Amino acid sequence: MTYTTQKNSWYYLSLVVSYLLHPVFIPTYIFTTFLFFGNYVFDPYSEHQQVYVVGLIFITTALIPLIMLSLNLLILRRKITNDELLMNSKRDRVVPFFYVGIYYCSLSYMFYTHLNFPLLLTCLMLIISAAVLVTAFISLFWKISAHALSLGASLMIFILIHTIMPSDHFLYVIMATLLLSGITLSSRLRLNAHTQEQTYAGYLLGILISALGLYFLLPNLFSFSFNL
């Protein structure tokens, strides 16, 4: 394998990782993880209802935003390229992130008031919404890594849930999240989508947002009661 071929292979692998762990899919991954390794957070939903909730999360937080982004590009008569879909340009990030953040906030309200979402699930949705809005605001001045921020937020969510309800399974989830975080951050750097400062700052900010979010939204966090 020549150097050029090897370089192209790493580039395409990094591109695949960036798509698979795109921030828009993170809410689905978080709720799917809870479905398999910590379904007590869905209490009092039945197993059938839990699957329905995860499907609803995927449709509303991933599928619809992706369709909206694609339609927006078509309306503006812009090509649907990797840079556009991954929002690698600071100019292309602000408006979509603001719209998605407000949309996620509306979803959180609707889920809680109309679908009777459990408090913890609603709090997780609000934290995700806050992370998107913070990313949008920072993107006005600096191209912080949304991939890193979303993974940092996910890591802290899993750590805090494990603190509330310790589980050997969740230790593996935390380790897997750390591994995927390292792979994703390396991929973003290899694609020259961000600097090291932008990726590290995004990861730390995601951790901070989740920690503060759960602290303020669930003040009795460490005494939270689950009906197992």
Protein backbone atom coordinates (compact mmCIF):
# COMPACT_ATOMS: atom_id res chain seq x y z
CA MET A 1 0.00 0.00 0.00
CA THR A 2 1.48 3.34 -1.05
CA TYR A 3 1.58 6.36 1.24
CA THR A 4 -1.10 8.13 -0.83
CA THR A 5 -3.43 5.12 -0.72
CA GLN A 6 -2.90 4.76 3.02
CA LYS A 7 -3.56 8.46 3.50
CA ASN A 8 -6.80 8.23 1.49
CA SER A 9 -7.88 5.17 3.50
CA TRP A 10 -7.47 7.06 6.78
CA TYR A 11 -9.31 10.02 5.31
CA TYR A 12 -12.35 7.96 4.28
CA LEU A 13 -12.32 6.06 7.57
CA SER A 14 -12.32 9.38 9.44
CA LEU A 15 -15.18 10.55 7.24
CA VAL A 16 -17.22 7.43 8.05
CA VAL A 17 -16.61 7.91 11.78
CA SER A 18 -17.65 11.56 11.52
CA TYR A 19 -20.93 10.55 9.89
CA LEU A 20 -21.71 7.64 12.22
CA LEU A 21 -21.05 9.78 15.29
CA HIS A 22 -22.57 12.95 13.89
CA PRO A 23 -24.05 15.03 16.77
CA VAL A 24 -27.54 14.62 15.34
CA PHE A 25 -27.39 10.88 16.11
CA ILE A 26 -26.12 11.25 19.68
CA PRO A 27 -29.57 11.57 21.34
CA THR A 28 -30.62 8.31 19.66
CA TYR A 29 -27.41 6.59 20.79
CA ILE A 30 -27.89 7.81 24.37
CA PHE A 31 -31.48 6.60 24.63
CA THR A 32 -30.66 3.32 22.86
CA THR A 33 -27.88 2.73 25.39
CA PHE A 34 -30.33 3.24 28.23
CA LEU A 35 -32.76 0.86 26.53
CA PHE A 36 -30.23 -1.99 26.63
CA PHE A 37 -28.13 -1.19 29.71
CA GLY A 38 -30.22 1.03 31.96
CA ASN A 39 -33.87 0.81 31.08
CA TYR A 40 -34.78 1.86 34.64
CA VAL A 41 -34.51 5.46 33.45
CA PHE A 42 -37.62 4.81 31.35
CA ASP A 43 -39.66 3.90 34.42
CA PRO A 44 -42.67 3.56 34.48
CA TYR A 45 -42.80 2.75 30.74
CA SER A 46 -43.25 -0.87 29.66
CA GLU A 47 -40.63 -2.53 27.42
CA HIS A 48 -42.82 -1.98 24.37
CA GLN A 49 -43.23 1.71 25.23
CA GLN A 50 -39.47 2.07 25.75
CA VAL A 51 -38.80 0.87 22.20
CA TYR A 52 -41.43 3.30 20.96
CA VAL A 53 -39.72 6.15 22.82
CA VAL A 54 -36.33 5.37 21.25
CA GLY A 55 -37.93 5.25 17.81
CA LEU A 56 -39.63 8.57 18.48
CA ILE A 57 -36.31 10.08 19.57
CA PHE A 58 -34.64 8.91 16.35
CA ILE A 59 -37.38 10.31 14.12
CA THR A 60 -37.66 13.67 15.90
CA THR A 61 -34.03 14.39 16.81
CA ALA A 62 -32.17 12.81 13.88
CA LEU A 63 -34.34 12.07 10.85
CA ILE A 64 -36.37 15.30 10.78
CA PRO A 65 -33.36 17.63 11.33
CA LEU A 66 -31.42 15.84 8.56
CA ILE A 67 -34.37 16.20 6.19
CA MET A 68 -34.68 19.88 7.12
CA LEU A 69 -30.96 20.45 6.50
CA SER A 70 -31.09 18.71 3.12
CA LEU A 71 -34.19 20.66 2.06
CA ASN A 72 -32.54 23.89 3.14
CA LEU A 73 -29.51 23.14 0.97
CA LEU A 74 -31.77 22.30 -1.97
CA ILE A 75 -33.79 25.51 -1.53
CA LEU A 76 -30.57 27.52 -1.45
CA ARG A 77 -29.43 25.54 -4.52
CA ARG A 78 -26.28 24.42 -2.80
CA LYS A 79 -24.66 21.05 -3.32
CA ILE A 80 -25.16 18.47 -0.58
CA THR A 81 -21.48 17.82 0.15
CA ASN A 82 -19.58 16.33 3.07
CA ASP A 83 -18.64 19.81 4.27
CA GLU A 84 -22.28 20.90 4.21
CA LEU A 85 -23.65 17.85 6.02
CA LEU A 86 -20.85 17.85 8.59
CA MET A 87 -21.10 21.65 8.87
CA ASN A 88 -17.34 22.08 8.69
CA SER A 89 -17.64 25.79 7.86
CA LYS A 90 -18.31 28.18 10.75
CA ARG A 91 -20.57 30.19 8.45
CA ASP A 92 -22.85 27.19 7.88
CA ARG A 93 -23.16 26.17 11.53
CA VAL A 94 -24.82 29.03 13.40
CA VAL A 95 -28.34 29.11 11.91
CA PRO A 96 -28.86 25.30 11.77
CA PHE A 97 -27.65 24.89 15.35
CA PHE A 98 -29.93 27.66 16.62
CA TYR A 99 -32.92 26.19 14.79
CA VAL A 100 -32.19 22.66 16.00
CA GLY A 101 -31.61 23.88 19.57
CA ILE A 102 -34.96 25.68 19.67
CA TYR A 103 -36.61 22.68 18.00
CA TYR A 104 -35.13 20.32 20.63
CA CYS A 105 -36.39 22.62 23.43
CA SER A 106 -39.87 22.50 21.91
CA LEU A 107 -39.66 18.71 21.69
CA SER A 108 -38.65 18.50 25.36
CA TYR A 109 -41.66 20.57 26.36
CA MET A 110 -44.01 18.56 24.17
CA PHE A 111 -42.64 15.22 25.39
CA TYR A 112 -43.09 16.22 29.03
CA THR A 113 -46.48 17.93 28.82
CA HIS A 114 -48.24 15.87 26.14
CA LEU A 115 -46.52 12.48 26.24
CA ASN A 116 -45.84 12.41 30.00
CA PHE A 117 -42.13 11.73 29.60
CA PRO A 118 -40.43 10.75 32.90
CA LEU A 119 -38.60 13.64 34.56
CA LEU A 120 -35.14 12.19 33.98
CA LEU A 121 -35.71 11.66 30.25
CA THR A 122 -37.02 15.21 29.93
CA CYS A 123 -33.94 16.52 31.75
CA LEU A 124 -31.69 14.62 29.35
CA MET A 125 -33.51 16.16 26.39
CA LEU A 126 -33.13 19.64 27.91
CA ILE A 127 -29.40 19.07 28.43
CA ILE A 128 -29.05 18.03 24.79
CA SER A 129 -31.00 21.13 23.76
CA ALA A 130 -28.76 23.35 25.88
CA ALA A 131 -25.65 21.78 24.36
CA VAL A 132 -26.90 22.54 20.83
CA LEU A 133 -27.76 26.16 21.71
CA VAL A 134 -24.38 26.71 23.40
CA THR A 135 -22.68 25.31 20.30
CA ALA A 136 -24.68 27.72 18.14
CA PHE A 137 -23.73 30.70 20.31
CA ILE A 138 -20.02 29.85 20.42
CA SER A 139 -20.06 29.25 16.65
CA LEU A 140 -20.76 32.95 16.21
CA PHE A 141 -17.17 33.57 17.27
CA TRP A 142 -15.29 30.27 17.14
CA LYS A 143 -15.70 26.89 15.42
CA ILE A 144 -15.92 24.66 18.47
CA SER A 145 -16.23 20.93 17.76
CA ALA A 146 -19.87 19.84 17.97
CA HIS A 147 -18.79 16.20 17.68
CA ALA A 148 -16.54 16.56 20.71
CA LEU A 149 -19.12 18.52 22.70
CA SER A 150 -21.86 15.95 22.12
CA LEU A 151 -19.60 13.06 23.11
CA GLY A 152 -18.36 14.89 26.20
CA ALA A 153 -21.96 15.51 27.22
CA SER A 154 -22.78 11.83 26.62
CA LEU A 155 -19.86 10.68 28.74
CA MET A 156 -20.90 12.80 31.72
CA ILE A 157 -24.54 11.70 31.40
CA PHE A 158 -23.46 8.05 31.56
CA ILE A 159 -21.09 8.71 34.48
CA LEU A 160 -23.74 10.51 36.51
CA ILE A 161 -26.39 7.87 35.81
CA HIS A 162 -23.86 5.21 36.88
CA THR A 163 -23.29 7.23 40.07
CA ILE A 164 -27.02 7.21 40.79
CA MET A 165 -27.50 3.53 39.99
CA PRO A 166 -24.15 1.65 39.83
CA SER A 167 -24.02 -1.12 37.26
CA ASP A 168 -21.21 -3.23 35.83
CA HIS A 169 -22.81 -2.85 32.41
CA PHE A 170 -22.52 0.92 32.60
CA LEU A 171 -18.81 0.72 33.33
CA TYR A 172 -18.44 -0.88 29.90
CA VAL A 173 -20.64 1.85 28.41
CA ILE A 174 -18.41 4.53 29.93
CA MET A 175 -15.24 2.85 28.65
CA ALA A 176 -16.78 2.43 25.18
CA THR A 177 -17.78 6.11 25.16
CA LEU A 178 -14.23 7.12 26.05
CA LEU A 179 -12.87 4.91 23.25
CA LEU A 180 -15.34 6.28 20.69
CA SER A 181 -14.56 9.81 21.85
CA GLY A 182 -10.87 9.31 21.19
CA ILE A 183 -11.54 7.82 17.75
CA THR A 184 -13.97 10.60 16.82
CA LEU A 185 -11.77 13.45 18.01
CA SER A 186 -8.81 11.95 16.13
CA SER A 187 -10.98 11.66 13.02
CA ARG A 188 -12.04 15.30 13.21
CA LEU A 189 -8.42 16.35 13.56
CA ARG A 190 -7.32 14.12 10.68
CA LEU A 191 -9.97 15.74 8.46
CA ASN A 192 -8.64 19.17 9.48
CA ALA A 193 -12.18 20.06 10.52
CA HIS A 194 -10.95 21.48 13.83
CA THR A 195 -7.83 22.40 15.74
CA GLN A 196 -6.82 20.55 18.90
CA GLU A 197 -8.04 23.48 20.97
CA GLN A 198 -11.49 23.34 19.35
CA THR A 199 -11.86 19.61 19.93
CA TYR A 200 -10.60 19.58 23.53
CA ALA A 201 -12.63 22.67 24.43
CA GLY A 202 -15.74 21.08 22.92
CA TYR A 203 -15.25 17.86 24.90
CA LEU A 204 -14.70 19.64 28.21
CA LEU A 205 -17.63 21.98 27.58
CA GLY A 206 -19.91 19.02 26.86
CA ILE A 207 -18.90 17.44 30.18
CA LEU A 208 -19.56 20.73 31.98
CA ILE A 209 -22.98 21.26 30.38
CA SER A 210 -24.15 17.76 31.36
CA ALA A 211 -22.86 18.08 34.91
CA LEU A 212 -24.43 21.51 35.45
CA GLY A 213 -27.62 20.50 33.67
CA LEU A 214 -28.26 17.45 35.81
CA TYR A 215 -27.23 19.35 38.96
CA PHE A 216 -29.72 22.16 38.40
CA LEU A 217 -32.50 20.13 36.78
CA LEU A 218 -32.29 17.31 39.30
CA PRO A 219 -31.13 18.88 42.58
CA ASN A 220 -31.70 15.57 44.37
CA LEU A 221 -29.53 13.81 41.78
CA PHE A 222 -27.67 11.46 44.11
CA SER A 223 -30.80 10.42 45.98
CA PHE A 224 -32.88 9.93 42.85
CA SER A 225 -35.22 6.99 43.30
CA PHE A 226 -35.81 4.42 40.57
CA ASN A 227 -38.46 1.76 40.74
CA LEU A 228 -36.60 -1.34 39.63
